Amino acid sequence: MANKTSQHILATSANLLGFCLFILISFHINNKTENSLIDEFTSVIALLLTISSIFSFVSIKTENEDREYKLERMADYLFIISLIGILGIICFLLTTFVNK
């Protein structure tokens, strides 16, 4: 069985991880971390994206079809949870900046 989504999850997770790190660095440079939960949520999302990337990478490299399928599904679930989390972060950022 060939990997259907692992290559896409790996590439997209890495790109979104860069987006999360950009948000974290931006908040730390502007000293906005003391009164904001965005950096904590972004850190959790970055961790989920990293784990998703690892699972998809191992899924690509494994020879065992059953393990490949399980790892690909786990990477897929973590990826969709991360996407929903990023949507939440973006909505929170928009409401924060609109209310100012």
C-alpha atoms as a PDB file:
ATOM      1  CA  MET A   1       0.000   0.000   0.000  1.00  0.00           C
ATOM      2  CA  ALA A   2       1.420   3.353  -1.006  1.00  0.00           C
ATOM      3  CA  ASN A   3       1.289   6.359   1.278  1.00  0.00           C
ATOM      4  CA  LYS A   4      -1.563   8.554   0.148  1.00  0.00           C
ATOM      5  CA  THR A   5      -1.137  11.592   2.368  1.00  0.00           C
ATOM      6  CA  SER A   6       2.107  11.226   4.312  1.00  0.00           C
ATOM      7  CA  GLN A   7       4.215  13.233   1.860  1.00  0.00           C
ATOM      8  CA  HIS A   8       1.676  16.073   1.900  1.00  0.00           C
ATOM      9  CA  ILE A   9       1.334  16.036   5.678  1.00  0.00           C
ATOM     10  CA  LEU A  10       5.109  16.116   6.108  1.00  0.00           C
ATOM     11  CA  ALA A  11       5.615  19.122   3.827  1.00  0.00           C
ATOM     12  CA  THR A  12       2.618  21.087   5.059  1.00  0.00           C
ATOM     13  CA  SER A  13       3.310  20.378   8.733  1.00  0.00           C
ATOM     14  CA  ALA A  14       6.831  21.699   8.330  1.00  0.00           C
ATOM     15  CA  ASN A  15       5.542  24.884   6.688  1.00  0.00           C
ATOM     16  CA  LEU A  16       2.884  25.437   9.344  1.00  0.00           C
ATOM     17  CA  LEU A  17       5.475  24.794  12.036  1.00  0.00           C
ATOM     18  CA  GLY A  18       7.420  27.726  10.593  1.00  0.00           C
ATOM     19  CA  PHE A  19       4.242  29.827  10.801  1.00  0.00           C
ATOM     20  CA  CYS A  20       3.821  28.919  14.481  1.00  0.00           C
ATOM     21  CA  LEU A  21       7.439  29.728  15.244  1.00  0.00           C
ATOM     22  CA  PHE A  22       7.026  33.083  13.473  1.00  0.00           C
ATOM     23  CA  ILE A  23       4.079  33.907  15.752  1.00  0.00           C
ATOM     24  CA  LEU A  24       6.043  32.894  18.839  1.00  0.00           C
ATOM     25  CA  ILE A  25       9.084  34.939  17.872  1.00  0.00           C
ATOM     26  CA  SER A  26       6.919  37.952  17.022  1.00  0.00           C
ATOM     27  CA  PHE A  27       5.294  37.892  20.435  1.00  0.00           C
ATOM     28  CA  HIS A  28       8.606  37.523  22.234  1.00  0.00           C
ATOM     29  CA  ILE A  29      10.260  40.335  20.277  1.00  0.00           C
ATOM     30  CA  ASN A  30       7.368  42.689  21.063  1.00  0.00           C
ATOM     31  CA  ASN A  31       7.242  41.612  24.734  1.00  0.00           C
ATOM     32  CA  LYS A  32       3.570  40.620  24.415  1.00  0.00           C
ATOM     33  CA  THR A  33       3.963  37.218  26.085  1.00  0.00           C
ATOM     34  CA  GLU A  34       3.236  38.255  29.664  1.00  0.00           C
ATOM     35  CA  ASN A  35      -0.495  38.900  29.141  1.00  0.00           C
ATOM     36  CA  SER A  36      -1.330  36.661  26.208  1.00  0.00           C
ATOM     37  CA  LEU A  37      -2.294  33.023  25.940  1.00  0.00           C
ATOM     38  CA  ILE A  38      -1.613  32.968  22.209  1.00  0.00           C
ATOM     39  CA  ASP A  39       2.003  31.913  22.686  1.00  0.00           C
ATOM     40  CA  GLU A  40       0.997  28.978  24.901  1.00  0.00           C
ATOM     41  CA  PHE A  41      -1.610  27.796  22.393  1.00  0.00           C
ATOM     42  CA  THR A  42       0.842  28.289  19.537  1.00  0.00           C
ATOM     43  CA  SER A  43       3.467  26.237  21.390  1.00  0.00           C
ATOM     44  CA  VAL A  44       1.002  23.355  21.785  1.00  0.00           C
ATOM     45  CA  ILE A  45       0.071  23.555  18.091  1.00  0.00           C
ATOM     46  CA  ALA A  46       3.767  23.599  17.136  1.00  0.00           C
ATOM     47  CA  LEU A  47       4.311  20.478  19.241  1.00  0.00           C
ATOM     48  CA  LEU A  48       1.370  18.717  17.551  1.00  0.00           C
ATOM     49  CA  LEU A  49       2.703  19.662  14.114  1.00  0.00           C
ATOM     50  CA  THR A  50       6.154  18.352  15.024  1.00  0.00           C
ATOM     51  CA  ILE A  51       4.728  15.030  16.189  1.00  0.00           C
ATOM     52  CA  SER A  52       2.579  14.845  13.057  1.00  0.00           C
ATOM     53  CA  SER A  53       5.678  15.407  10.919  1.00  0.00           C
ATOM     54  CA  ILE A  54       7.552  12.665  12.738  1.00  0.00           C
ATOM     55  CA  PHE A  55       4.691  10.188  12.318  1.00  0.00           C
ATOM     56  CA  SER A  56       4.341  10.942   8.621  1.00  0.00           C
ATOM     57  CA  PHE A  57       8.106  10.639   8.086  1.00  0.00           C
ATOM     58  CA  VAL A  58       8.229   7.275   9.839  1.00  0.00           C
ATOM     59  CA  SER A  59       5.170   6.211   7.850  1.00  0.00           C
ATOM     60  CA  ILE A  60       7.005   6.954   4.619  1.00  0.00           C
ATOM     61  CA  LYS A  61      10.112   5.060   5.730  1.00  0.00           C
ATOM     62  CA  THR A  62       8.519   1.945   7.213  1.00  0.00           C
ATOM     63  CA  GLU A  63       8.273  -1.330   5.304  1.00  0.00           C
ATOM     64  CA  ASN A  64       5.449  -2.756   7.443  1.00  0.00           C
ATOM     65  CA  GLU A  65       2.120  -1.958   5.753  1.00  0.00           C
ATOM     66  CA  ASP A  66       0.059  -2.183   8.936  1.00  0.00           C
ATOM     67  CA  ARG A  67       2.419   0.160  10.796  1.00  0.00           C
ATOM     68  CA  GLU A  68       2.490   2.479   7.780  1.00  0.00           C
ATOM     69  CA  TYR A  69      -1.295   2.758   7.805  1.00  0.00           C
ATOM     70  CA  LYS A  70      -1.481   3.371  11.580  1.00  0.00           C
ATOM     71  CA  LEU A  71       1.241   6.009  11.548  1.00  0.00           C
ATOM     72  CA  GLU A  72      -0.313   7.754   8.566  1.00  0.00           C
ATOM     73  CA  ARG A  73      -3.704   7.876  10.310  1.00  0.00           C
ATOM     74  CA  MET A  74      -2.144   9.236  13.518  1.00  0.00           C
ATOM     75  CA  ALA A  75      -0.284  11.900  11.543  1.00  0.00           C
ATOM     76  CA  ASP A  76      -3.510  12.747   9.740  1.00  0.00           C
ATOM     77  CA  TYR A  77      -5.487  13.158  12.980  1.00  0.00           C
ATOM     78  CA  LEU A  78      -2.798  15.283  14.619  1.00  0.00           C
ATOM     79  CA  PHE A  79      -2.579  17.408  11.488  1.00  0.00           C
ATOM     80  CA  ILE A  80      -6.314  18.163  11.392  1.00  0.00           C
ATOM     81  CA  ILE A  81      -6.295  18.987  15.120  1.00  0.00           C
ATOM     82  CA  SER A  82      -3.387  21.350  14.456  1.00  0.00           C
ATOM     83  CA  LEU A  83      -5.247  23.007  11.585  1.00  0.00           C
ATOM     84  CA  ILE A  84      -8.260  23.596  13.811  1.00  0.00           C
ATOM     85  CA  GLY A  85      -5.920  25.012  16.462  1.00  0.00           C
ATOM     86  CA  ILE A  86      -4.311  27.365  13.938  1.00  0.00           C
ATOM     87  CA  LEU A  87      -7.784  28.515  12.888  1.00  0.00           C
ATOM     88  CA  GLY A  88      -8.507  29.263  16.540  1.00  0.00           C
ATOM     89  CA  ILE A  89      -5.256  31.210  16.917  1.00  0.00           C
ATOM     90  CA  ILE A  90      -5.996  33.255  13.789  1.00  0.00           C
ATOM     91  CA  CYS A  91      -9.531  34.025  14.990  1.00  0.00           C
ATOM     92  CA  PHE A  92      -8.174  35.054  18.393  1.00  0.00           C
ATOM     93  CA  LEU A  93      -5.547  37.290  16.766  1.00  0.00           C
ATOM     94  CA  LEU A  94      -8.192  38.904  14.551  1.00  0.00           C
ATOM     95  CA  THR A  95     -10.500  39.642  17.455  1.00  0.00           C
ATOM     96  CA  THR A  96      -7.596  41.017  19.476  1.00  0.00           C
ATOM     97  CA  PHE A  97      -6.515  43.415  16.739  1.00  0.00           C
ATOM     98  CA  VAL A  98     -10.035  44.431  15.710  1.00  0.00           C
ATOM     99  CA  ASN A  99     -10.929  45.355  19.298  1.00  0.00           C
ATOM    100  CA  LYS A 100      -7.941  47.715  19.631  1.00  0.00           C
END
